Protein backbone atom coordinates (compact mmCIF):
# COMPACT_ATOMS: atom_id res chain seq x y z
CA MET A 1 134.90 -60.20 17.56
CA ARG A 2 131.35 -61.08 16.46
CA LEU A 3 129.83 -60.13 13.18
CA ARG A 4 126.07 -59.82 12.82
CA LEU A 5 124.56 -60.64 9.47
CA ARG A 6 121.13 -59.55 8.45
CA ARG A 7 118.89 -62.09 6.81
CA ARG A 8 117.43 -61.05 3.43
CA PRO A 9 114.85 -62.69 1.20
CA ALA A 10 116.28 -65.31 -1.06
CA ALA A 11 115.26 -63.51 -4.25
CA ILE A 12 117.08 -60.25 -3.27
CA PHE A 13 120.19 -62.25 -2.23
CA LEU A 14 120.24 -64.20 -5.58
CA ALA A 15 119.80 -60.95 -7.49
CA ALA A 16 122.71 -59.32 -5.74
CA ILE A 17 124.88 -62.41 -6.41
CA LEU A 18 124.11 -62.23 -10.08
CA ALA A 19 124.78 -58.54 -10.21
CA CYS A 20 128.14 -58.85 -8.43
CA THR A 21 129.15 -61.79 -10.64
CA THR A 22 128.32 -59.81 -13.84
CA ALA A 23 130.22 -56.75 -12.61
CA ALA A 24 133.19 -58.79 -11.60
CA ALA A 25 133.33 -60.55 -14.95
CA SER A 26 133.37 -57.20 -16.81
CA ALA A 27 135.76 -55.44 -14.48
CA ALA A 28 138.27 -58.18 -13.63
CA PRO A 29 141.66 -58.38 -15.53
CA ALA A 30 142.07 -61.19 -17.97
CA SER A 31 144.22 -63.08 -15.43
CA GLY A 32 141.50 -63.01 -12.85
CA ARG A 33 143.79 -61.25 -10.33
CA PRO A 34 142.13 -58.72 -8.02
CA SER A 35 143.13 -55.13 -8.79
CA GLY A 36 146.03 -53.78 -6.83
CA HIS A 37 147.52 -57.24 -5.96
CA GLY A 38 150.97 -58.03 -7.38
CA ALA A 39 153.27 -60.84 -6.19
CA LEU A 40 154.50 -61.28 -2.61
CA ILE A 41 158.28 -61.35 -2.32
CA THR A 42 159.97 -63.18 0.58
CA CYS A 43 163.40 -64.69 1.34
CA ARG A 44 163.66 -68.40 1.83
CA THR A 45 166.49 -69.81 3.85
CA GLN A 46 167.42 -73.49 4.03
CA GLN A 47 169.70 -75.71 6.10
CA ALA A 48 171.50 -77.36 3.18
CA PRO A 49 173.64 -76.08 1.65
CA ALA A 50 174.28 -74.21 4.97
CA GLY A 51 173.31 -70.56 4.88
CA THR A 52 171.54 -70.69 1.50
CA SER A 53 169.02 -67.87 1.02
CA TYR A 54 167.20 -66.64 -2.08
CA LEU A 55 164.07 -64.71 -3.03
CA VAL A 56 160.77 -66.39 -3.75
CA SER A 57 157.70 -64.89 -5.58
CA ILE A 58 154.33 -65.95 -4.31
CA ASP A 59 150.93 -65.36 -5.90
CA PRO A 60 148.77 -63.99 -3.10
CA VAL A 61 145.60 -65.45 -4.67
CA THR A 62 146.59 -69.00 -5.62
CA GLY A 63 149.69 -69.49 -3.46
CA ALA A 64 151.70 -70.58 -6.51
CA ASN A 65 155.37 -69.79 -5.99
CA ARG A 66 158.64 -69.79 -7.84
CA ARG A 67 162.26 -69.08 -7.12
CA LEU A 68 163.10 -65.44 -8.14
CA THR A 69 166.88 -65.18 -7.84
CA SER A 70 169.41 -67.62 -9.24
CA ALA A 71 172.05 -69.57 -7.29
CA ALA A 72 174.70 -67.67 -9.27
CA MET A 73 173.61 -64.47 -7.55
CA GLY A 74 174.60 -65.76 -4.13
CA ASN A 75 172.76 -65.42 -0.86
CA VAL A 76 170.27 -62.53 -0.77
CA CYS A 77 167.59 -61.67 1.79
CA PHE A 78 165.34 -59.09 3.40
CA PRO A 79 163.52 -57.79 0.30
CA ALA A 80 161.96 -54.34 -0.05
CA VAL A 81 159.88 -53.25 -3.01
CA SER A 82 160.07 -49.70 -4.57
CA PRO A 83 156.90 -47.64 -4.64
CA ASP A 84 156.51 -48.07 -8.42
CA GLY A 85 157.14 -51.90 -8.15
CA LYS A 86 160.04 -51.81 -10.64
CA LEU A 87 162.84 -52.59 -8.18
CA ILE A 88 163.54 -54.91 -5.30
CA ALA A 89 166.25 -54.02 -2.72
CA VAL A 90 168.06 -56.81 -0.86
CA THR A 91 170.97 -57.38 1.50
CA LYS A 92 173.57 -59.78 0.21
CA THR A 93 176.10 -61.98 2.08
CA ALA A 94 179.67 -61.10 1.12
CA ARG A 95 183.19 -61.81 2.47
CA ILE A 96 185.32 -58.98 3.99
CA GLN A 97 188.68 -60.21 5.27
CA ARG A 98 187.75 -63.45 6.97
CA GLN A 99 184.23 -62.43 7.93
CA VAL A 100 181.10 -63.53 5.99
CA ALA A 101 177.98 -61.43 6.71
CA PRO A 102 175.33 -59.28 5.01
CA TYR A 103 177.84 -56.60 3.97
CA GLU A 104 176.19 -55.45 0.69
CA LEU A 105 173.09 -53.74 -0.42
CA HIS A 106 171.83 -54.44 -3.99
CA THR A 107 168.86 -53.64 -6.19
CA LEU A 108 167.26 -56.06 -8.69
CA ARG A 109 164.56 -55.65 -11.27
CA ARG A 110 161.08 -56.91 -10.29
CA ASP A 111 161.79 -60.24 -12.03
CA GLY A 112 164.99 -60.90 -9.97
CA THR A 113 167.45 -59.92 -12.69
CA GLY A 114 169.68 -56.88 -13.31
CA GLU A 115 171.56 -57.01 -10.02
CA ARG A 116 173.28 -53.69 -9.13
CA LEU A 117 175.49 -52.92 -6.13
CA VAL A 118 174.35 -49.83 -4.16
CA TYR A 119 176.49 -50.08 -0.98
CA ARG A 120 179.23 -52.22 0.48
CA SER A 121 180.37 -52.05 4.17
CA PRO A 122 183.72 -50.16 4.59
CA ASP A 123 185.11 -52.94 6.91
CA ALA A 124 184.37 -56.34 8.51
CA GLN A 125 183.16 -54.60 11.75
CA HIS A 126 179.91 -53.21 10.26
CA TYR A 127 177.17 -55.22 8.64
CA LEU A 128 173.68 -54.47 7.35
CA THR A 129 170.84 -55.42 9.72
CA GLY A 130 167.22 -55.99 8.78
CA ALA A 131 165.58 -55.01 5.50
CA PRO A 132 166.26 -51.79 3.69
CA SER A 133 163.46 -49.41 2.76
CA PHE A 134 162.80 -46.95 -0.10
CA GLY A 135 162.77 -43.30 0.62
CA PRO A 136 161.64 -40.21 -1.30
CA GLY A 137 163.54 -39.00 -4.32
CA GLY A 138 164.88 -42.37 -5.38
CA THR A 139 166.85 -43.24 -2.21
CA LEU A 140 167.42 -46.30 -0.06
CA ILE A 141 167.32 -46.27 3.74
CA PHE A 142 169.37 -48.96 5.60
CA SER A 143 170.84 -49.66 9.05
CA LEU A 144 174.54 -50.47 9.56
CA MET A 145 175.28 -52.37 12.69
CA SER A 146 178.55 -52.37 14.63
CA TYR A 147 180.07 -55.66 15.79
CA VAL A 148 181.95 -53.66 18.37
CA ASP A 149 179.27 -51.88 20.39
CA GLY A 150 176.08 -53.39 18.86
CA THR A 151 174.58 -50.08 17.86
CA PRO A 152 173.01 -49.35 14.49
CA THR A 153 173.48 -46.21 12.43
CA VAL A 154 170.87 -45.33 9.81
CA TYR A 155 171.90 -44.07 6.32
CA SER A 156 170.32 -43.03 3.09
CA ALA A 157 171.89 -43.26 -0.43
CA ARG A 158 170.79 -42.83 -3.98
CA LEU A 159 170.20 -45.97 -6.01
CA ASP A 160 173.59 -45.54 -7.64
CA GLY A 161 175.29 -45.48 -4.23
CA SER A 162 176.09 -41.75 -4.27
CA HIS A 163 175.10 -39.13 -1.70
CA LEU A 164 175.65 -41.49 1.25
CA THR A 165 174.23 -39.53 4.19
CA ARG A 166 173.57 -40.34 7.85
CA LEU A 167 169.82 -39.91 8.32
CA ASN A 168 168.65 -37.39 10.91
CA LEU A 169 165.97 -39.15 12.92
CA GLY A 170 165.22 -36.18 15.15
CA VAL A 171 165.89 -38.06 18.37
CA SER A 172 168.73 -38.16 20.85
CA ASN A 173 171.68 -40.35 20.02
CA SER A 174 170.91 -42.32 23.24
CA VAL A 175 167.64 -43.63 21.75
CA ALA A 176 168.22 -47.28 20.73
CA ILE A 177 166.90 -47.74 17.14
CA SER A 178 165.36 -51.05 16.14
CA GLY A 179 164.73 -52.12 12.56
CA THR A 180 164.95 -49.82 9.56
CA PRO A 181 162.94 -46.55 9.56
CA GLN A 182 160.15 -46.44 6.95
CA PHE A 183 159.00 -43.40 4.97
CA SER A 184 155.38 -43.07 4.31
CA PRO A 185 154.36 -43.65 0.56
CA ASP A 186 153.77 -39.88 0.20
CA GLY A 187 157.27 -39.25 1.48
CA LYS A 188 156.18 -36.82 4.16
CA THR A 189 156.49 -38.90 7.35
CA LEU A 190 159.26 -41.07 8.69
CA ALA A 191 158.34 -43.78 11.20
CA PHE A 192 160.71 -45.93 13.26
CA ILE A 193 161.06 -47.86 16.53
CA GLY A 194 163.31 -46.38 19.20
CA ASP A 195 163.55 -47.44 22.84
CA ASN A 196 160.62 -49.69 22.25
CA THR A 197 158.43 -46.77 21.27
CA ILE A 198 157.16 -45.91 17.80
CA TRP A 199 158.27 -42.42 16.65
CA VAL A 200 157.11 -40.33 13.59
CA LYS A 201 159.04 -37.40 12.10
CA LYS A 202 157.76 -34.93 9.52
CA GLY A 203 160.27 -32.84 7.56
CA SER A 204 162.99 -31.29 9.67
CA ALA A 205 160.95 -31.19 12.82
CA ALA A 206 161.88 -33.35 15.84
CA ALA A 207 160.37 -36.82 16.06
CA THR A 208 157.34 -37.38 18.30
CA GLN A 209 156.20 -40.49 20.05
CA LEU A 210 152.91 -42.24 19.16
CA PRO A 211 150.51 -42.80 22.09
CA ASP A 212 151.25 -45.90 24.12
CA TYR A 213 149.38 -49.11 23.30
CA ALA A 214 148.50 -51.07 26.43
CA GLY A 215 146.98 -54.25 25.03
CA ARG A 216 143.68 -55.80 25.90
CA HIS A 217 144.41 -55.97 29.68
CA GLY A 218 145.25 -52.20 29.81
CA SER A 219 148.25 -52.72 31.97
CA HIS A 220 150.97 -54.22 29.77
CA PHE A 221 153.08 -52.23 27.30
CA PRO A 222 154.25 -53.93 24.11
CA THR A 223 157.53 -55.06 22.88
CA PHE A 224 157.78 -53.97 19.27
CA THR A 225 159.64 -56.32 16.93
CA GLY A 226 160.51 -56.44 13.21
CA GLN A 227 159.69 -53.73 10.71
CA LEU A 228 156.88 -51.20 10.53
CA SER A 229 154.61 -51.12 7.43
CA TRP A 230 152.72 -48.10 5.99
CA SER A 231 149.33 -48.27 4.32
CA PRO A 232 149.33 -46.94 0.83
CA GLU A 233 147.41 -43.78 1.62
CA SER A 234 150.06 -42.99 4.37
CA GLY A 235 147.35 -42.87 7.08
CA ARG A 236 147.92 -46.18 8.99
CA LEU A 237 150.95 -47.89 10.47
CA LEU A 238 151.28 -51.71 11.10
CA ALA A 239 153.40 -52.98 13.89
CA THR A 240 154.23 -56.39 15.41
CA ALA A 241 153.85 -56.22 19.26
CA SER A 242 154.07 -58.68 22.10
CA THR A 243 152.49 -57.91 25.52
CA ASP A 244 151.73 -59.79 28.66
CA GLY A 245 154.75 -62.05 28.23
CA GLY A 246 153.96 -62.75 24.62
CA ASN A 247 150.44 -64.02 25.15
CA ASP A 248 148.58 -60.77 24.32
CA GLY A 249 150.27 -59.50 21.16
CA GLY A 250 150.16 -59.82 17.36
CA PHE A 251 149.67 -57.09 14.85
CA ILE A 252 148.36 -53.67 15.90
CA GLU A 253 147.39 -50.84 13.55
CA TYR A 254 147.70 -47.14 14.36
CA ASP A 255 145.37 -44.67 12.63
CA LEU A 256 147.26 -41.41 12.49
CA ALA A 257 144.15 -39.28 11.84
CA ALA A 258 142.05 -40.91 14.63
CA ARG A 259 145.10 -41.21 16.93
CA GLN A 260 144.07 -44.60 17.99
CA TRP A 261 145.34 -48.25 18.06
CA GLN A 262 143.44 -51.40 16.84
CA GLN A 263 144.52 -54.98 17.48
CA LEU A 264 144.26 -57.06 14.31
CA THR A 265 145.56 -60.40 15.41
CA ALA A 266 146.55 -62.16 18.68
CA VAL A 267 149.76 -64.18 18.90
CA PRO A 268 148.95 -67.77 19.97
CA ARG A 269 150.26 -68.81 23.41
CA ALA A 270 153.80 -70.02 22.92
CA GLY A 271 154.86 -73.37 24.42
CA ASN A 272 158.42 -74.43 25.40
CA GLY A 273 160.72 -74.08 22.36
CA VAL A 274 157.91 -72.73 20.13
CA LEU A 275 158.22 -69.45 18.25
CA PRO A 276 155.41 -66.91 18.41
CA GLY A 277 152.95 -67.20 15.66
CA TYR A 278 153.07 -64.16 13.34
CA GLY A 279 155.55 -61.75 11.86
CA ASP A 280 156.55 -59.45 9.01
CA PRO A 281 153.23 -57.89 8.24
CA VAL A 282 152.87 -55.84 5.03
CA PHE A 283 149.94 -54.02 3.41
CA SER A 284 148.83 -54.92 -0.10
CA PRO A 285 149.32 -52.14 -2.65
CA ASP A 286 145.59 -51.21 -2.47
CA GLY A 287 145.58 -51.41 1.34
CA ARG A 288 142.70 -53.88 1.50
CA LYS A 289 144.80 -56.80 2.64
CA VAL A 290 147.62 -57.54 4.99
CA ALA A 291 150.06 -60.42 4.37
CA PHE A 292 152.37 -61.95 7.02
CA VAL A 293 154.36 -64.96 7.98
CA GLU A 294 152.79 -67.58 10.25
CA ARG A 295 155.18 -69.82 12.19
CA ILE A 296 154.09 -73.05 13.79
CA GLY A 297 156.78 -74.86 15.80
CA SER A 298 160.38 -73.81 15.77
CA ALA A 299 161.37 -73.67 12.06
CA ILE A 300 164.11 -71.22 12.69
CA GLY A 301 165.53 -73.35 15.55
CA ALA A 302 165.46 -76.36 13.21
CA ALA A 303 167.34 -74.39 10.54
CA TRP A 304 170.02 -73.76 13.17
CA GLY A 305 170.07 -77.42 14.08
CA SER A 306 169.04 -76.75 17.64
CA GLU A 307 165.29 -77.74 17.69
CA LYS A 308 162.77 -79.85 15.88
CA PRO A 309 161.35 -78.70 12.57
CA GLY A 310 158.21 -76.60 12.34
CA GLU A 311 156.07 -75.18 9.65
CA GLU A 312 155.74 -71.78 8.05
CA PHE A 313 153.00 -70.27 5.98
CA ILE A 314 152.21 -67.05 4.15
CA ASP A 315 148.81 -65.79 5.43
CA THR A 316 146.60 -62.87 4.46
CA MET A 317 143.72 -60.97 6.22
CA ASP A 318 141.47 -58.07 5.69
CA PRO A 319 142.39 -55.25 8.30
CA ALA A 320 138.81 -54.22 8.37
CA VAL A 321 137.85 -57.62 9.87
CA PRO A 322 140.39 -58.26 12.62
CA GLY A 323 141.16 -61.76 13.70
CA ILE A 324 140.07 -63.63 10.51
CA VAL A 325 143.18 -65.20 8.90
CA ALA A 326 143.49 -67.10 5.57
CA ARG A 327 146.46 -69.27 4.65
CA THR A 328 147.85 -68.52 1.20
CA ALA A 329 150.97 -70.63 0.75
CA LYS A 330 153.26 -73.14 2.39
CA ILE A 331 156.76 -73.63 1.24
CA PRO A 332 159.38 -75.78 2.96
CA GLY A 333 162.06 -73.71 4.66
CA VAL A 334 162.18 -70.53 6.69
CA TYR A 335 160.80 -67.17 5.49
CA ILE A 336 162.66 -63.93 6.35
CA GLY A 337 161.02 -60.60 5.37
CA LEU A 338 157.96 -59.98 3.20
CA ALA A 339 157.16 -57.31 0.54
CA TRP A 340 154.26 -56.79 -1.76
CA GLN A 341 154.67 -55.69 -5.39
CA PRO A 342 152.09 -53.42 -6.97
């Protein structure tokens, strides 16, 4: 994508710079942080001790990071942030009988303290998969996967664990659900991936499919992976897609009003044993930025002891300027999941 810039006289350009600088100085918070940008929350896993995972808070402006959850809390991962930013929901590894898996759903305060149990799997044959999501009316949405048949069931529950209910997605039971469904910030629309198609559901109506996205070549349909992400005004959906064998994918954005797709990034061509480049996109609270995980090399394979180490970064971009990516932070380890606090 090419951007054309108009040349302007130096005097006008200098005056504009001075005006913007003065306005920014008077409007910016004392910390210098842009309006609408809180901390990024992600899960870091590491090889030693084996299976260790904890939350990390990252400043999206400076890249400064700190550990958010203590070792005493145990292994937590897949963070989701409440709409008001006061809570973080996570899955937690626990032991049921002889099995150790993400069997529990917890909430924390935004600073990583105040852990509270919301849900625990009824048996060792069902475990939590992917990140939870916050729904309307103070509820949490989560997917429970069966070890027996490999199918997920989506539930909602209040934050105190009460009113556990199987969520009606408005599709046939034969539709294979991937990831955790996401309510729009206004609570009116539920979006989810089913049978490699993105569906949206309003109220009690049946779910409907979004138009197909064919990629740049117009002949390859995408494989959707990971979680969907809503823009704060509930008008746009972000998805991670791979087309043309993984070489024509990346992040795509759907505008519900315009009923059209836009490709924001392209996944770099993957070599032998190399993971695709980008994942876990999330909108900033003001909708003006998108943050995501960039993977170079096979960091996850290295964590499993099967491949050479790679590198991972937290990147940001402006969705209004597709294709231009800025690296924000690099932390040793593997990142899983990403959320953005208001």
